[in-house]
């Protein structure tokens, strides 16, 4: 975004998006606010660049979606929600699979200044909040699914990671488990921190001591979950249950248990997150947290398109959708 628009916004005491709406004669701006913005424009002798304004007004009617791995059903269901809602608004979608590489994700973000897409949906925890904020400050429209970014103009749709993690681990405590391991995702992701916070809260509520030796990371991948479980087993600390921060890593735990002759749930209870389609067909079926993935993608897209068209007059930019713990055979065994 032209820096002068930011200056006008500061002078008028409004957001840069509001200044843009006034310049584009949007009906969503109140008369009082419009007067303040126009006064600030006059005081600063601001003249929008006509060519730049024309370029910004050109629409590709395309949204970009950045995901770490399209093969993971968690992402594919979110993409389906995004695609269907975009199609209803006559938008096309461009799916960018980064293959879990931050370098590729940064390249895909450049589709915004290249004017290849009108807006971008991030379904990845790797792009930092600071980087997202930098793009938004320049006037590009970005929404995030699965996390929230502290910025007035950045839309988000997510579930309450702390709450559902507390419920999942509390369930294991009620089943008689006193040594519960946590296998997290990317060590620097907000989702991972929040799910670990819920894990620790449940332990505290159950008066169970927190042991750092029962924590490991699996990078939200099946192989990572397998390796993390093997590392946990090699430590001099026993445990009878695992809370994996997503179903992919829980699948890795299943594979490790099968190889080591560990019975689920008799010897090892397992709970995952996401309720991916395969989880109910595993033997035993996996207990997991149902995240409304399609709904999150669809709702975020609706909000994003409204924002791009200047129709977003809702003060609520950060939406939290309810999730539900689904208890199946993998954690149903009651320990004496």
C-alpha atoms as a PDB file:
ATOM      1  CA  UNK A   1       0.000   0.000   0.000  1.00  0.00           C
ATOM      2  CA  UNK A   2       1.220   3.491  -0.793  1.00  0.00           C
ATOM      3  CA  UNK A   3       2.831   4.821   2.372  1.00  0.00           C
ATOM      4  CA  UNK A   4       0.917   8.083   2.046  1.00  0.00           C
ATOM      5  CA  UNK A   5      -2.352   6.249   2.571  1.00  0.00           C
ATOM      6  CA  UNK A   6      -0.937   4.941   5.844  1.00  0.00           C
ATOM      7  CA  UNK A   7      -0.035   8.509   6.820  1.00  0.00           C
ATOM      8  CA  UNK A   8      -3.537   9.732   5.984  1.00  0.00           C
ATOM      9  CA  UNK A   9      -4.983   6.901   8.084  1.00  0.00           C
ATOM     10  CA  UNK A  10      -2.848   7.910  11.067  1.00  0.00           C
ATOM     11  CA  UNK A  11      -3.871  11.560  10.696  1.00  0.00           C
ATOM     12  CA  UNK A  12      -7.572  10.645  10.537  1.00  0.00           C
ATOM     13  CA  UNK A  13      -7.340   8.036  13.290  1.00  0.00           C
ATOM     14  CA  UNK A  14      -8.707   5.233  11.093  1.00  0.00           C
ATOM     15  CA  UNK A  15      -7.344   2.143   9.342  1.00  0.00           C
ATOM     16  CA  UNK A  16      -5.666   2.278   5.955  1.00  0.00           C
ATOM     17  CA  UNK A  17      -8.494   0.117   4.612  1.00  0.00           C
ATOM     18  CA  UNK A  18     -11.005   2.807   5.660  1.00  0.00           C
ATOM     19  CA  UNK A  19      -9.048   5.459   3.750  1.00  0.00           C
ATOM     20  CA  UNK A  20      -9.076   3.171   0.722  1.00  0.00           C
ATOM     21  CA  UNK A  21     -12.857   2.770   1.028  1.00  0.00           C
ATOM     22  CA  UNK A  22     -13.332   6.541   1.147  1.00  0.00           C
ATOM     23  CA  UNK A  23     -11.174   6.968  -1.951  1.00  0.00           C
ATOM     24  CA  UNK A  24     -13.227   4.285  -3.696  1.00  0.00           C
ATOM     25  CA  UNK A  25     -16.493   5.864  -2.524  1.00  0.00           C
ATOM     26  CA  UNK A  26     -17.620   2.792  -0.568  1.00  0.00           C
ATOM     27  CA  UNK A  27     -21.042   3.089   1.077  1.00  0.00           C
ATOM     28  CA  UNK A  28     -19.805   1.257   4.196  1.00  0.00           C
ATOM     29  CA  UNK A  29     -18.031   4.323   5.618  1.00  0.00           C
ATOM     30  CA  UNK A  30     -20.092   6.558   7.907  1.00  0.00           C
ATOM     31  CA  UNK A  31     -20.469  10.227   7.002  1.00  0.00           C
ATOM     32  CA  UNK A  32     -18.600  11.259  10.153  1.00  0.00           C
ATOM     33  CA  UNK A  33     -15.623   9.032   9.313  1.00  0.00           C
ATOM     34  CA  UNK A  34     -15.681  10.128   5.687  1.00  0.00           C
ATOM     35  CA  UNK A  35     -15.427  13.774   6.748  1.00  0.00           C
ATOM     36  CA  UNK A  36     -12.413  13.003   8.982  1.00  0.00           C
ATOM     37  CA  UNK A  37     -10.632  11.147   6.176  1.00  0.00           C
ATOM     38  CA  UNK A  38     -11.333  13.835   3.573  1.00  0.00           C
ATOM     39  CA  UNK A  39     -10.115  16.505   5.985  1.00  0.00           C
ATOM     40  CA  UNK A  40      -6.882  14.574   6.562  1.00  0.00           C
ATOM     41  CA  UNK A  41      -6.444  14.185   2.798  1.00  0.00           C
ATOM     42  CA  UNK A  42      -6.858  17.921   2.315  1.00  0.00           C
ATOM     43  CA  UNK A  43      -4.501  18.817   5.168  1.00  0.00           C
ATOM     44  CA  UNK A  44      -1.789  16.521   3.800  1.00  0.00           C
ATOM     45  CA  UNK A  45      -2.412  17.559   0.203  1.00  0.00           C
ATOM     46  CA  UNK A  46      -2.629  13.883  -0.701  1.00  0.00           C
ATOM     47  CA  UNK A  47      -3.275  12.985  -4.367  1.00  0.00           C
ATOM     48  CA  UNK A  48      -3.693   9.288  -5.176  1.00  0.00           C
ATOM     49  CA  UNK A  49      -1.625   8.106  -8.100  1.00  0.00           C
ATOM     50  CA  UNK A  50      -4.218   7.538 -10.821  1.00  0.00           C
ATOM     51  CA  UNK A  51      -2.236   4.829 -12.585  1.00  0.00           C
ATOM     52  CA  UNK A  52      -1.594   2.958  -9.348  1.00  0.00           C
ATOM     53  CA  UNK A  53      -5.248   3.246  -8.367  1.00  0.00           C
ATOM     54  CA  UNK A  54      -6.277   1.835 -11.734  1.00  0.00           C
ATOM     55  CA  UNK A  55      -3.836  -1.057 -11.335  1.00  0.00           C
ATOM     56  CA  UNK A  56      -5.148  -1.837  -7.853  1.00  0.00           C
ATOM     57  CA  UNK A  57      -8.705  -1.810  -9.139  1.00  0.00           C
ATOM     58  CA  UNK A  58      -7.975  -4.496 -11.711  1.00  0.00           C
ATOM     59  CA  UNK A  59      -9.188  -7.847 -10.408  1.00  0.00           C
ATOM     60  CA  UNK A  60      -7.890 -11.276 -11.375  1.00  0.00           C
ATOM     61  CA  UNK A  61     -10.867 -12.910  -9.592  1.00  0.00           C
ATOM     62  CA  UNK A  62      -8.373 -15.466  -8.279  1.00  0.00           C
ATOM     63  CA  UNK A  63      -7.408 -16.439  -4.731  1.00  0.00           C
ATOM     64  CA  UNK A  64      -4.140 -18.128  -3.800  1.00  0.00           C
ATOM     65  CA  UNK A  65      -3.929 -20.876  -1.163  1.00  0.00           C
ATOM     66  CA  UNK A  66      -0.624 -21.870   0.424  1.00  0.00           C
ATOM     67  CA  UNK A  67      -0.542 -25.283   2.124  1.00  0.00           C
ATOM     68  CA  UNK A  68       2.447 -27.316   3.389  1.00  0.00           C
ATOM     69  CA  UNK A  69       1.288 -30.660   1.941  1.00  0.00           C
ATOM     70  CA  UNK A  70      -1.787 -31.173  -0.206  1.00  0.00           C
ATOM     71  CA  UNK A  71      -1.649 -34.942   0.412  1.00  0.00           C
ATOM     72  CA  UNK A  72      -2.700 -34.436   4.036  1.00  0.00           C
ATOM     73  CA  UNK A  73      -6.481 -34.650   4.272  1.00  0.00           C
ATOM     74  CA  UNK A  74      -6.605 -31.859   6.882  1.00  0.00           C
ATOM     75  CA  UNK A  75      -5.432 -29.420   4.218  1.00  0.00           C
ATOM     76  CA  UNK A  76      -7.446 -30.933   1.379  1.00  0.00           C
ATOM     77  CA  UNK A  77     -10.724 -30.519   3.291  1.00  0.00           C
ATOM     78  CA  UNK A  78      -9.922 -26.879   4.058  1.00  0.00           C
ATOM     79  CA  UNK A  79      -9.071 -26.344   0.387  1.00  0.00           C
ATOM     80  CA  UNK A  80     -12.438 -27.853  -0.580  1.00  0.00           C
ATOM     81  CA  UNK A  81     -14.227 -25.347   1.655  1.00  0.00           C
ATOM     82  CA  UNK A  82     -12.215 -22.488   0.166  1.00  0.00           C
ATOM     83  CA  UNK A  83     -12.744 -23.617  -3.422  1.00  0.00           C
ATOM     84  CA  UNK A  84     -16.500 -24.089  -3.115  1.00  0.00           C
ATOM     85  CA  UNK A  85     -17.053 -20.716  -1.449  1.00  0.00           C
ATOM     86  CA  UNK A  86     -14.761 -18.988  -3.967  1.00  0.00           C
ATOM     87  CA  UNK A  87     -16.640 -20.592  -6.867  1.00  0.00           C
ATOM     88  CA  UNK A  88     -19.935 -19.333  -5.448  1.00  0.00           C
ATOM     89  CA  UNK A  89     -18.484 -15.818  -5.683  1.00  0.00           C
ATOM     90  CA  UNK A  90     -17.145 -16.458  -9.220  1.00  0.00           C
ATOM     91  CA  UNK A  91     -13.537 -16.653  -7.995  1.00  0.00           C
ATOM     92  CA  UNK A  92     -10.947 -19.192  -9.123  1.00  0.00           C
ATOM     93  CA  UNK A  93      -8.347 -20.649  -6.761  1.00  0.00           C
ATOM     94  CA  UNK A  94      -4.636 -21.255  -7.262  1.00  0.00           C
ATOM     95  CA  UNK A  95      -3.344 -23.984  -4.926  1.00  0.00           C
ATOM     96  CA  UNK A  96       0.299 -23.611  -3.884  1.00  0.00           C
ATOM     97  CA  UNK A  97       1.789 -26.746  -2.275  1.00  0.00           C
ATOM     98  CA  UNK A  98       5.033 -25.744  -0.529  1.00  0.00           C
ATOM     99  CA  UNK A  99       6.117 -29.314   0.295  1.00  0.00           C
ATOM    100  CA  UNK A 100       6.893 -28.052   3.821  1.00  0.00           C
ATOM    101  CA  UNK A 101       9.528 -25.629   2.501  1.00  0.00           C
ATOM    102  CA  UNK A 102       9.418 -22.075   3.851  1.00  0.00           C
ATOM    103  CA  UNK A 103      11.407 -20.860   0.825  1.00  0.00           C
ATOM    104  CA  UNK A 104       8.628 -21.982  -1.517  1.00  0.00           C
ATOM    105  CA  UNK A 105       5.996 -20.367   0.674  1.00  0.00           C
ATOM    106  CA  UNK A 106       7.802 -17.040   0.473  1.00  0.00           C
ATOM    107  CA  UNK A 107       7.963 -17.359  -3.323  1.00  0.00           C
ATOM    108  CA  UNK A 108       4.237 -18.047  -3.460  1.00  0.00           C
ATOM    109  CA  UNK A 109       3.543 -14.930  -1.380  1.00  0.00           C
ATOM    110  CA  UNK A 110       5.061 -12.911  -4.224  1.00  0.00           C
ATOM    111  CA  UNK A 111       2.005 -13.815  -6.301  1.00  0.00           C
ATOM    112  CA  UNK A 112       0.375 -10.886  -4.467  1.00  0.00           C
ATOM    113  CA  UNK A 113       2.707  -8.089  -5.681  1.00  0.00           C
ATOM    114  CA  UNK A 114       2.870  -9.824  -9.060  1.00  0.00           C
ATOM    115  CA  UNK A 115      -0.938  -9.306  -9.258  1.00  0.00           C
ATOM    116  CA  UNK A 116      -1.400 -12.996 -10.061  1.00  0.00           C
ATOM    117  CA  UNK A 117      -3.989 -13.262  -7.273  1.00  0.00           C
ATOM    118  CA  UNK A 118      -6.251 -10.731  -5.543  1.00  0.00           C
ATOM    119  CA  UNK A 119      -5.841 -12.278  -2.099  1.00  0.00           C
ATOM    120  CA  UNK A 120      -4.042 -15.102  -0.343  1.00  0.00           C
ATOM    121  CA  UNK A 121      -5.228 -17.707   2.166  1.00  0.00           C
ATOM    122  CA  UNK A 122      -2.485 -19.176   4.340  1.00  0.00           C
ATOM    123  CA  UNK A 123      -3.087 -22.662   5.726  1.00  0.00           C
ATOM    124  CA  UNK A 124       0.463 -22.966   6.968  1.00  0.00           C
ATOM    125  CA  UNK A 125       2.070 -22.219  10.337  1.00  0.00           C
ATOM    126  CA  UNK A 126       5.517 -21.565   8.867  1.00  0.00           C
ATOM    127  CA  UNK A 127       5.097 -18.012   7.527  1.00  0.00           C
ATOM    128  CA  UNK A 128       5.785 -15.720  10.491  1.00  0.00           C
ATOM    129  CA  UNK A 129       3.281 -13.199  11.841  1.00  0.00           C
ATOM    130  CA  UNK A 130       5.761 -10.407  11.130  1.00  0.00           C
ATOM    131  CA  UNK A 131       6.041 -11.392   7.473  1.00  0.00           C
ATOM    132  CA  UNK A 132       2.262 -11.560   7.067  1.00  0.00           C
ATOM    133  CA  UNK A 133       1.920  -8.133   8.675  1.00  0.00           C
ATOM    134  CA  UNK A 134       4.511  -6.682   6.282  1.00  0.00           C
ATOM    135  CA  UNK A 135       2.485  -7.785   3.253  1.00  0.00           C
ATOM    136  CA  UNK A 136      -0.766  -6.472   4.723  1.00  0.00           C
ATOM    137  CA  UNK A 137       0.840  -3.098   5.482  1.00  0.00           C
ATOM    138  CA  UNK A 138       1.587  -2.840   1.762  1.00  0.00           C
ATOM    139  CA  UNK A 139      -2.103  -3.266   0.985  1.00  0.00           C
ATOM    140  CA  UNK A 140      -2.274  -6.957   0.114  1.00  0.00           C
ATOM    141  CA  UNK A 141      -5.190  -9.024   1.390  1.00  0.00           C
ATOM    142  CA  UNK A 142      -4.284 -12.110   3.440  1.00  0.00           C
ATOM    143  CA  UNK A 143      -6.373 -14.429   5.590  1.00  0.00           C
ATOM    144  CA  UNK A 144      -5.177 -17.320   7.747  1.00  0.00           C
ATOM    145  CA  UNK A 145      -6.783 -20.634   8.689  1.00  0.00           C
ATOM    146  CA  UNK A 146      -5.876 -22.509  11.861  1.00  0.00           C
ATOM    147  CA  UNK A 147      -4.210 -19.595  13.653  1.00  0.00           C
ATOM    148  CA  UNK A 148      -4.710 -15.912  14.394  1.00  0.00           C
ATOM    149  CA  UNK A 149      -2.351 -13.002  13.644  1.00  0.00           C
ATOM    150  CA  UNK A 150      -2.421  -9.866  15.778  1.00  0.00           C
ATOM    151  CA  UNK A 151      -3.413  -7.228  13.214  1.00  0.00           C
ATOM    152  CA  UNK A 152      -6.698  -5.398  12.672  1.00  0.00           C
ATOM    153  CA  UNK A 153      -6.888  -6.155   8.937  1.00  0.00           C
ATOM    154  CA  UNK A 154      -5.799  -9.819   8.987  1.00  0.00           C
ATOM    155  CA  UNK A 155      -8.774 -12.175   9.000  1.00  0.00           C
ATOM    156  CA  UNK A 156      -8.547 -15.578  10.641  1.00  0.00           C
ATOM    157  CA  UNK A 157     -10.631 -18.665  11.331  1.00  0.00           C
ATOM    158  CA  UNK A 158      -9.471 -21.294  13.804  1.00  0.00           C
ATOM    159  CA  UNK A 159     -10.451 -23.597  16.642  1.00  0.00           C
ATOM    160  CA  UNK A 160      -9.515 -23.215  20.315  1.00  0.00           C
ATOM    161  CA  UNK A 161      -6.312 -25.267  20.508  1.00  0.00           C
ATOM    162  CA  UNK A 162      -5.898 -24.830  24.263  1.00  0.00           C
ATOM    163  CA  UNK A 163      -9.460 -25.849  25.050  1.00  0.00           C
ATOM    164  CA  UNK A 164      -9.661 -28.984  22.925  1.00  0.00           C
ATOM    165  CA  UNK A 165      -6.166 -30.105  23.959  1.00  0.00           C
ATOM    166  CA  UNK A 166      -7.145 -29.770  27.602  1.00  0.00           C
ATOM    167  CA  UNK A 167     -10.238 -31.894  26.928  1.00  0.00           C
ATOM    168  CA  UNK A 168      -8.243 -34.550  25.050  1.00  0.00           C
ATOM    169  CA  UNK A 169      -5.577 -34.964  27.732  1.00  0.00           C
ATOM    170  CA  UNK A 170      -8.140 -34.755  30.557  1.00  0.00           C
ATOM    171  CA  UNK A 171      -9.893 -37.713  28.903  1.00  0.00           C
ATOM    172  CA  UNK A 172      -6.644 -39.707  29.118  1.00  0.00           C
ATOM    173  CA  UNK A 173      -6.261 -38.758  32.770  1.00  0.00           C
ATOM    174  CA  UNK A 174      -9.806 -39.988  33.478  1.00  0.00           C
ATOM    175  CA  UNK A 175      -8.889 -43.272  31.822  1.00  0.00           C
ATOM    176  CA  UNK A 176      -6.257 -43.760  34.521  1.00  0.00           C
ATOM    177  CA  UNK A 177      -3.119 -42.578  32.734  1.00  0.00           C
ATOM    178  CA  UNK A 178      -0.491 -40.857  34.896  1.00  0.00           C
ATOM    179  CA  UNK A 179       2.359 -40.726  32.369  1.00  0.00           C
ATOM    180  CA  UNK A 180       1.178 -39.028  29.177  1.00  0.00           C
ATOM    181  CA  UNK A 181       3.545 -38.037  26.362  1.00  0.00           C
ATOM    182  CA  UNK A 182       3.005 -35.102  24.011  1.00  0.00           C
ATOM    183  CA  UNK A 183       4.179 -35.187  20.399  1.00  0.00           C
ATOM    184  CA  UNK A 184       3.976 -31.673  18.966  1.00  0.00           C
ATOM    185  CA  UNK A 185       4.306 -30.162  15.519  1.00  0.00           C
ATOM    186  CA  UNK A 186       6.701 -27.467  14.331  1.00  0.00           C
ATOM    187  CA  UNK A 187       8.519 -26.250  17.431  1.00  0.00           C
ATOM    188  CA  UNK A 188       8.024 -22.572  16.495  1.00  0.00           C
ATOM    189  CA  UNK A 189       4.350 -22.701  15.477  1.00  0.00           C
ATOM    190  CA  UNK A 190       1.575 -21.074  17.508  1.00  0.00           C
ATOM    191  CA  UNK A 191      -0.638 -24.137  17.083  1.00  0.00           C
ATOM    192  CA  UNK A 192       2.023 -26.273  18.724  1.00  0.00           C
ATOM    193  CA  UNK A 193       2.445 -23.886  21.654  1.00  0.00           C
ATOM    194  CA  UNK A 194      -1.303 -23.677  22.241  1.00  0.00           C
ATOM    195  CA  UNK A 195      -1.804 -27.441  22.092  1.00  0.00           C
ATOM    196  CA  UNK A 196       1.085 -27.951  24.494  1.00  0.00           C
ATOM    197  CA  UNK A 197      -0.466 -25.334  26.781  1.00  0.00           C
ATOM    198  CA  UNK A 198      -3.695 -27.353  26.829  1.00  0.00           C
ATOM    199  CA  UNK A 199      -1.703 -30.534  27.531  1.00  0.00           C
ATOM    200  CA  UNK A 200       0.047 -28.893  30.476  1.00  0.00           C
ATOM    201  CA  UNK A 201      -3.208 -27.445  31.815  1.00  0.00           C
ATOM    202  CA  UNK A 202      -4.842 -30.884  31.827  1.00  0.00           C
ATOM    203  CA  UNK A 203      -1.877 -32.341  33.706  1.00  0.00           C
ATOM    204  CA  UNK A 204      -2.099 -29.551  36.273  1.00  0.00           C
ATOM    205  CA  UNK A 205      -5.865 -30.020  36.659  1.00  0.00           C
ATOM    206  CA  UNK A 206      -5.264 -33.748  37.189  1.00  0.00           C
ATOM    207  CA  UNK A 207      -2.467 -33.068  39.702  1.00  0.00           C
ATOM    208  CA  UNK A 208       0.020 -34.864  37.465  1.00  0.00           C
ATOM    209  CA  UNK A 209       3.595 -33.505  37.395  1.00  0.00           C
ATOM    210  CA  UNK A 210       4.841 -32.102  34.094  1.00  0.00           C
ATOM    211  CA  UNK A 211       7.906 -33.974  32.796  1.00  0.00           C
ATOM    212  CA  UNK A 212       9.883 -32.342  29.943  1.00  0.00           C
ATOM    213  CA  UNK A 213      11.232 -35.805  29.066  1.00  0.00           C
ATOM    214  CA  UNK A 214       7.745 -36.738  27.815  1.00  0.00           C
ATOM    215  CA  UNK A 215       7.744 -33.997  25.170  1.00  0.00           C
ATOM    216  CA  UNK A 216       8.970 -34.380  21.586  1.00  0.00           C
ATOM    217  CA  UNK A 217       8.260 -32.875  18.144  1.00  0.00           C
ATOM    218  CA  UNK A 218       7.175 -34.633  14.981  1.00  0.00           C
ATOM    219  CA  UNK A 219       6.753 -31.659  12.605  1.00  0.00           C
ATOM    220  CA  UNK A 220       3.079 -32.555  11.982  1.00  0.00           C
ATOM    221  CA  UNK A 221       4.200 -35.447   9.716  1.00  0.00           C
ATOM    222  CA  UNK A 222       3.646 -39.210   9.953  1.00  0.00           C
ATOM    223  CA  UNK A 223       7.364 -39.993   9.789  1.00  0.00           C
ATOM    224  CA  UNK A 224       8.028 -37.296  12.362  1.00  0.00           C
ATOM    225  CA  UNK A 225       5.467 -38.849  14.716  1.00  0.00           C
ATOM    226  CA  UNK A 226       7.081 -42.255  14.264  1.00  0.00           C
ATOM    227  CA  UNK A 227      10.550 -40.911  15.024  1.00  0.00           C
ATOM    228  CA  UNK A 228       9.348 -38.846  17.992  1.00  0.00           C
ATOM    229  CA  UNK A 229       7.675 -41.880  19.558  1.00  0.00           C
ATOM    230  CA  UNK A 230      10.844 -43.936  19.098  1.00  0.00           C
ATOM    231  CA  UNK A 231      12.920 -41.208  20.773  1.00  0.00           C
ATOM    232  CA  UNK A 232      10.470 -41.053  23.670  1.00  0.00           C
ATOM    233  CA  UNK A 233      10.740 -44.815  24.155  1.00  0.00           C
ATOM    234  CA  UNK A 234      14.533 -44.616  24.240  1.00  0.00           C
ATOM    235  CA  UNK A 235      14.457 -42.241  27.206  1.00  0.00           C
ATOM    236  CA  UNK A 236      14.479 -43.512  30.756  1.00  0.00           C
ATOM    237  CA  UNK A 237      10.877 -42.480  31.339  1.00  0.00           C
ATOM    238  CA  UNK A 238       7.872 -44.773  30.998  1.00  0.00           C
ATOM    239  CA  UNK A 239       4.503 -43.620  29.640  1.00  0.00           C
ATOM    240  CA  UNK A 240       1.178 -45.262  28.801  1.00  0.00           C
ATOM    241  CA  UNK A 241      -0.506 -42.662  26.595  1.00  0.00           C
ATOM    242  CA  UNK A 242       0.321 -40.262  23.782  1.00  0.00           C
ATOM    243  CA  UNK A 243      -1.408 -37.057  22.780  1.00  0.00           C
ATOM    244  CA  UNK A 244      -0.282 -36.304  19.216  1.00  0.00           C
ATOM    245  CA  UNK A 245      -0.899 -32.760  17.943  1.00  0.00           C
ATOM    246  CA  UNK A 246      -2.366 -34.088  14.684  1.00  0.00           C
ATOM    247  CA  UNK A 247      -3.589 -37.359  13.181  1.00  0.00           C
ATOM    248  CA  UNK A 248      -0.633 -37.657  10.805  1.00  0.00           C
ATOM    249  CA  UNK A 249       1.762 -37.977  13.730  1.00  0.00           C
ATOM    250  CA  UNK A 250      -0.659 -40.329  15.470  1.00  0.00           C
ATOM    251  CA  UNK A 251      -0.386 -42.600  12.411  1.00  0.00           C
ATOM    252  CA  UNK A 252       3.374 -42.614  12.960  1.00  0.00           C
ATOM    253  CA  UNK A 253       2.771 -43.680  16.574  1.00  0.00           C
ATOM    254  CA  UNK A 254       0.577 -46.539  15.322  1.00  0.00           C
ATOM    255  CA  UNK A 255       3.359 -47.733  13.014  1.00  0.00           C
ATOM    256  CA  UNK A 256       5.962 -47.612  15.778  1.00  0.00           C
ATOM    257  CA  UNK A 257       3.680 -49.492  18.177  1.00  0.00           C
ATOM    258  CA  UNK A 258       3.012 -52.176  15.571  1.00  0.00           C
ATOM    259  CA  UNK A 259       6.729 -52.674  14.960  1.00  0.00           C
ATOM    260  CA  UNK A 260       7.526 -52.836  18.687  1.00  0.00           C
ATOM    261  CA  UNK A 261       4.649 -55.138  19.604  1.00  0.00           C
ATOM    262  CA  UNK A 262       2.917 -52.480  21.716  1.00  0.00           C
ATOM    263  CA  UNK A 263      -0.843 -52.990  21.903  1.00  0.00           C
ATOM    264  CA  UNK A 264      -3.221 -50.073  21.415  1.00  0.00           C
ATOM    265  CA  UNK A 265      -5.056 -49.284  23.689  1.00  0.00           C
ATOM    266  CA  UNK A 266      -4.097 -51.945  26.264  1.00  0.00           C
ATOM    267  CA  UNK A 267      -0.425 -50.922  26.478  1.00  0.00           C
ATOM    268  CA  UNK A 268      -0.570 -47.472  24.884  1.00  0.00           C
ATOM    269  CA  UNK A 269      -3.506 -45.093  24.487  1.00  0.00           C
ATOM    270  CA  UNK A 270      -3.346 -42.667  21.535  1.00  0.00           C
ATOM    271  CA  UNK A 271      -5.296 -39.484  20.807  1.00  0.00           C
ATOM    272  CA  UNK A 272      -4.798 -37.303  17.732  1.00  0.00           C
ATOM    273  CA  UNK A 273      -6.217 -34.084  16.287  1.00  0.00           C
ATOM    274  CA  UNK A 274      -8.152 -33.308  13.059  1.00  0.00           C
ATOM    275  CA  UNK A 275     -10.445 -36.351  12.597  1.00  0.00           C
ATOM    276  CA  UNK A 276      -8.990 -37.147   9.190  1.00  0.00           C
ATOM    277  CA  UNK A 277     -11.081 -39.592   7.175  1.00  0.00           C
ATOM    278  CA  UNK A 278      -8.782 -42.551   7.752  1.00  0.00           C
ATOM    279  CA  UNK A 279      -8.918 -42.343  11.556  1.00  0.00           C
ATOM    280  CA  UNK A 280     -12.207 -44.215  11.991  1.00  0.00           C
ATOM    281  CA  UNK A 281     -10.969 -47.046   9.752  1.00  0.00           C
ATOM    282  CA  UNK A 282      -7.763 -47.711  11.672  1.00  0.00           C
ATOM    283  CA  UNK A 283      -7.556 -50.756  13.909  1.00  0.00           C
ATOM    284  CA  UNK A 284      -8.254 -49.764  16.577  1.00  0.00           C
ATOM    285  CA  UNK A 285     -10.120 -46.628  15.478  1.00  0.00           C
ATOM    286  CA  UNK A 286      -8.288 -43.469  16.572  1.00  0.00           C
ATOM    287  CA  UNK A 287      -9.665 -41.086  19.189  1.00  0.00           C
ATOM    288  CA  UNK A 288      -9.251 -37.586  17.848  1.00  0.00           C
ATOM    289  CA  UNK A 289     -10.485 -34.007  17.895  1.00  0.00           C
ATOM    290  CA  UNK A 290     -12.954 -33.076  15.169  1.00  0.00           C
ATOM    291  CA  UNK A 291     -11.947 -29.780  13.597  1.00  0.00           C
ATOM    292  CA  UNK A 292     -14.574 -28.377  11.181  1.00  0.00           C
ATOM    293  CA  UNK A 293     -12.001 -28.040   8.408  1.00  0.00           C
ATOM    294  CA  UNK A 294     -14.385 -27.437   5.507  1.00  0.00           C
ATOM    295  CA  UNK A 295     -16.279 -24.827   7.518  1.00  0.00           C
ATOM    296  CA  UNK A 296     -13.073 -23.000   8.486  1.00  0.00           C
ATOM    297  CA  UNK A 297     -11.993 -22.737   4.848  1.00  0.00           C
ATOM    298  CA  UNK A 298     -15.433 -21.682   3.664  1.00  0.00           C
ATOM    299  CA  UNK A 299     -15.992 -19.062   6.360  1.00  0.00           C
ATOM    300  CA  UNK A 300     -12.546 -17.502   5.972  1.00  0.00           C
ATOM    301  CA  UNK A 301     -13.059 -17.233   2.208  1.00  0.00           C
ATOM    302  CA  UNK A 302     -16.411 -15.496   2.645  1.00  0.00           C
ATOM    303  CA  UNK A 303     -14.805 -12.983   4.993  1.00  0.00           C
ATOM    304  CA  UNK A 304     -11.827 -12.438   2.691  1.00  0.00           C
ATOM    305  CA  UNK A 305     -13.914 -11.794  -0.430  1.00  0.00           C
ATOM    306  CA  UNK A 306     -16.140  -9.377   1.485  1.00  0.00           C
ATOM    307  CA  UNK A 307     -13.048  -7.504   2.645  1.00  0.00           C
ATOM    308  CA  UNK A 308     -11.635  -7.282  -0.884  1.00  0.00           C
ATOM    309  CA  UNK A 309     -14.914  -5.841  -2.144  1.00  0.00           C
ATOM    310  CA  UNK A 310     -15.213  -3.347   0.706  1.00  0.00           C
ATOM    311  CA  UNK A 311     -18.282  -5.129   2.085  1.00  0.00           C
ATOM    312  CA  UNK A 312     -16.750  -6.239   5.367  1.00  0.00           C
ATOM    313  CA  UNK A 313     -18.375  -4.095   8.031  1.00  0.00           C
ATOM    314  CA  UNK A 314     -18.121  -6.711  10.783  1.00  0.00           C
ATOM    315  CA  UNK A 315     -15.923  -5.779  13.763  1.00  0.00           C
ATOM    316  CA  UNK A 316     -15.181  -9.464  14.309  1.00  0.00           C
ATOM    317  CA  UNK A 317     -12.071 -10.360  12.289  1.00  0.00           C
ATOM    318  CA  UNK A 318     -10.933 -13.388  14.306  1.00  0.00           C
ATOM    319  CA  UNK A 319     -13.412 -16.262  14.231  1.00  0.00           C
ATOM    320  CA  UNK A 320     -13.114 -19.262  16.551  1.00  0.00           C
ATOM    321  CA  UNK A 321     -15.140 -22.335  15.567  1.00  0.00           C
ATOM    322  CA  UNK A 322     -16.160 -25.076  17.991  1.00  0.00           C
ATOM    323  CA  UNK A 323     -14.341 -28.433  17.906  1.00  0.00           C
ATOM    324  CA  UNK A 324     -15.325 -31.761  19.468  1.00  0.00           C
ATOM    325  CA  UNK A 325     -13.437 -34.641  21.069  1.00  0.00           C
ATOM    326  CA  UNK A 326     -14.349 -37.964  19.458  1.00  0.00           C
ATOM    327  CA  UNK A 327     -13.561 -40.926  21.725  1.00  0.00           C
ATOM    328  CA  UNK A 328     -12.890 -44.212  19.919  1.00  0.00           C
ATOM    329  CA  UNK A 329     -11.155 -47.496  20.719  1.00  0.00           C
ATOM    330  CA  UNK A 330      -7.578 -46.162  20.809  1.00  0.00           C
ATOM    331  CA  UNK A 331      -8.168 -44.547  24.200  1.00  0.00           C
ATOM    332  CA  UNK A 332     -11.166 -46.469  25.546  1.00  0.00           C
ATOM    333  CA  UNK A 333      -9.219 -48.918  27.722  1.00  0.00           C
ATOM    334  CA  UNK A 334      -9.649 -48.047  31.419  1.00  0.00           C
ATOM    335  CA  UNK A 335      -6.456 -48.565  33.398  1.00  0.00           C
ATOM    336  CA  UNK A 336      -6.814 -49.820  36.940  1.00  0.00           C
END
